[in-house]
């Protein structure tokens, strides 16, 4: 799910911390993103990527870690009701600032 950011001057790190997310860096690609675990472990977790080119946040739910090797096995939900409700929750918090 996509969230269009309207205020380019906002501190994205602070806003997402307010929503319960913390920064995460992919150890292979070194790309930064934000995650919010749903349980006591690393998975399942909500995962947010920021695209500076479009100034949008992309939200999905990682069910388990990605396995890279012969194939690109990534168990994630992108359009489920759970992802939709989390996207709406984050949008509301971002609007409050």
C-alpha atoms as a PDB file:
ATOM      1  CA  UNK A   1       0.000   0.000   0.000  1.00  0.00           C
ATOM      2  CA  UNK A   2       1.229   3.483  -0.777  1.00  0.00           C
ATOM      3  CA  UNK A   3       1.195   6.644   1.365  1.00  0.00           C
ATOM      4  CA  UNK A   4       1.919   9.937  -0.406  1.00  0.00           C
ATOM      5  CA  UNK A   5       3.849  12.296   1.867  1.00  0.00           C
ATOM      6  CA  UNK A   6       2.682  15.884   1.585  1.00  0.00           C
ATOM      7  CA  UNK A   7       5.152  17.690   3.861  1.00  0.00           C
ATOM      8  CA  UNK A   8       8.723  17.344   2.608  1.00  0.00           C
ATOM      9  CA  UNK A   9      10.089  19.222   5.629  1.00  0.00           C
ATOM     10  CA  UNK A  10       8.916  16.665   8.193  1.00  0.00           C
ATOM     11  CA  UNK A  11      11.405  14.430   9.949  1.00  0.00           C
ATOM     12  CA  UNK A  12      10.376  11.012   8.648  1.00  0.00           C
ATOM     13  CA  UNK A  13      12.374   9.180  11.320  1.00  0.00           C
ATOM     14  CA  UNK A  14      10.538  10.979  14.154  1.00  0.00           C
ATOM     15  CA  UNK A  15       7.124  10.559  12.551  1.00  0.00           C
ATOM     16  CA  UNK A  16       7.574   6.815  12.037  1.00  0.00           C
ATOM     17  CA  UNK A  17       8.976   6.365  15.564  1.00  0.00           C
ATOM     18  CA  UNK A  18       5.740   7.932  16.788  1.00  0.00           C
ATOM     19  CA  UNK A  19       3.887   5.233  14.810  1.00  0.00           C
ATOM     20  CA  UNK A  20       5.918   2.486  16.520  1.00  0.00           C
ATOM     21  CA  UNK A  21       8.485   1.850  13.770  1.00  0.00           C
ATOM     22  CA  UNK A  22      12.238   1.724  14.062  1.00  0.00           C
ATOM     23  CA  UNK A  23      14.932   1.998  11.387  1.00  0.00           C
ATOM     24  CA  UNK A  24      16.257  -1.122   9.727  1.00  0.00           C
ATOM     25  CA  UNK A  25      19.046  -1.621   7.193  1.00  0.00           C
ATOM     26  CA  UNK A  26      19.120  -4.591   4.834  1.00  0.00           C
ATOM     27  CA  UNK A  27      22.444  -6.307   5.425  1.00  0.00           C
ATOM     28  CA  UNK A  28      22.771  -7.295   1.749  1.00  0.00           C
ATOM     29  CA  UNK A  29      21.520  -4.218  -0.114  1.00  0.00           C
ATOM     30  CA  UNK A  30      22.358  -1.677   2.640  1.00  0.00           C
ATOM     31  CA  UNK A  31      19.025   0.078   1.942  1.00  0.00           C
ATOM     32  CA  UNK A  32      17.302   1.784   4.861  1.00  0.00           C
ATOM     33  CA  UNK A  33      13.683   1.084   5.775  1.00  0.00           C
ATOM     34  CA  UNK A  34      11.441   0.967   8.855  1.00  0.00           C
ATOM     35  CA  UNK A  35       9.884  -2.013  10.636  1.00  0.00           C
ATOM     36  CA  UNK A  36       7.303  -2.664  13.359  1.00  0.00           C
ATOM     37  CA  UNK A  37       7.242  -6.247  14.680  1.00  0.00           C
ATOM     38  CA  UNK A  38       3.859  -7.775  15.473  1.00  0.00           C
ATOM     39  CA  UNK A  39       5.151 -10.213  18.072  1.00  0.00           C
ATOM     40  CA  UNK A  40       8.177 -10.849  20.229  1.00  0.00           C
ATOM     41  CA  UNK A  41      10.481 -11.838  17.346  1.00  0.00           C
ATOM     42  CA  UNK A  42      11.593 -10.297  14.084  1.00  0.00           C
ATOM     43  CA  UNK A  43       8.665 -11.768  12.122  1.00  0.00           C
ATOM     44  CA  UNK A  44       5.910 -11.164  11.264  1.00  0.00           C
ATOM     45  CA  UNK A  45       6.469  -7.431  10.924  1.00  0.00           C
ATOM     46  CA  UNK A  46       5.167  -4.423   9.079  1.00  0.00           C
ATOM     47  CA  UNK A  47       7.799  -3.022   6.757  1.00  0.00           C
ATOM     48  CA  UNK A  48       7.893   0.495   5.294  1.00  0.00           C
ATOM     49  CA  UNK A  49      10.148   1.611   2.456  1.00  0.00           C
ATOM     50  CA  UNK A  50      10.536   5.284   1.538  1.00  0.00           C
ATOM     51  CA  UNK A  51      11.002   6.363  -2.060  1.00  0.00           C
ATOM     52  CA  UNK A  52      12.607   9.818  -2.177  1.00  0.00           C
ATOM     53  CA  UNK A  53      11.906  10.058  -5.926  1.00  0.00           C
ATOM     54  CA  UNK A  54       8.129   9.844  -5.446  1.00  0.00           C
ATOM     55  CA  UNK A  55       8.084  11.027  -1.803  1.00  0.00           C
ATOM     56  CA  UNK A  56       5.924   8.004  -0.931  1.00  0.00           C
ATOM     57  CA  UNK A  57       5.975   5.335   1.731  1.00  0.00           C
ATOM     58  CA  UNK A  58       5.259   1.726   0.739  1.00  0.00           C
ATOM     59  CA  UNK A  59       3.795  -0.546   3.429  1.00  0.00           C
ATOM     60  CA  UNK A  60       3.712  -4.344   3.447  1.00  0.00           C
ATOM     61  CA  UNK A  61       3.702  -7.204   5.935  1.00  0.00           C
ATOM     62  CA  UNK A  62       6.697  -9.569   6.021  1.00  0.00           C
ATOM     63  CA  UNK A  63       5.576 -13.015   7.179  1.00  0.00           C
ATOM     64  CA  UNK A  64       9.080 -14.532   7.273  1.00  0.00           C
ATOM     65  CA  UNK A  65      12.605 -13.586   6.199  1.00  0.00           C
ATOM     66  CA  UNK A  66      13.409 -13.475   2.512  1.00  0.00           C
ATOM     67  CA  UNK A  67      15.517 -16.346   1.247  1.00  0.00           C
ATOM     68  CA  UNK A  68      17.839 -15.466  -1.556  1.00  0.00           C
ATOM     69  CA  UNK A  69      19.700 -18.042  -3.576  1.00  0.00           C
ATOM     70  CA  UNK A  70      18.356 -19.886  -6.586  1.00  0.00           C
ATOM     71  CA  UNK A  71      15.034 -18.093  -6.300  1.00  0.00           C
ATOM     72  CA  UNK A  72      13.711 -14.921  -4.753  1.00  0.00           C
ATOM     73  CA  UNK A  73      11.405 -16.319  -2.047  1.00  0.00           C
ATOM     74  CA  UNK A  74       9.707 -13.486  -0.173  1.00  0.00           C
ATOM     75  CA  UNK A  75       6.609 -14.204   1.931  1.00  0.00           C
ATOM     76  CA  UNK A  76       4.907 -10.829   2.167  1.00  0.00           C
ATOM     77  CA  UNK A  77       1.403  -9.387   2.038  1.00  0.00           C
ATOM     78  CA  UNK A  78       0.859  -6.181   0.096  1.00  0.00           C
ATOM     79  CA  UNK A  79      -2.922  -5.709  -0.147  1.00  0.00           C
ATOM     80  CA  UNK A  80      -4.459  -7.648   2.757  1.00  0.00           C
ATOM     81  CA  UNK A  81      -6.969  -6.082   5.136  1.00  0.00           C
ATOM     82  CA  UNK A  82      -4.279  -6.031   7.837  1.00  0.00           C
ATOM     83  CA  UNK A  83      -1.931  -4.041   5.580  1.00  0.00           C
ATOM     84  CA  UNK A  84      -4.750  -1.679   4.586  1.00  0.00           C
ATOM     85  CA  UNK A  85      -5.651  -0.964   8.214  1.00  0.00           C
ATOM     86  CA  UNK A  86      -1.977  -0.406   9.151  1.00  0.00           C
ATOM     87  CA  UNK A  87      -1.563   1.965   6.202  1.00  0.00           C
ATOM     88  CA  UNK A  88      -4.592   3.958   7.361  1.00  0.00           C
ATOM     89  CA  UNK A  89      -3.238   4.041  10.940  1.00  0.00           C
ATOM     90  CA  UNK A  90       0.146   5.368   9.792  1.00  0.00           C
ATOM     91  CA  UNK A  91      -1.509   7.943   7.505  1.00  0.00           C
ATOM     92  CA  UNK A  92      -3.558   9.300  10.422  1.00  0.00           C
ATOM     93  CA  UNK A  93      -0.480   9.572  12.642  1.00  0.00           C
ATOM     94  CA  UNK A  94       1.489  11.329   9.888  1.00  0.00           C
ATOM     95  CA  UNK A  95      -1.333  13.846   9.435  1.00  0.00           C
ATOM     96  CA  UNK A  96      -1.303  14.688  13.171  1.00  0.00           C
ATOM     97  CA  UNK A  97       2.422  15.438  13.262  1.00  0.00           C
END
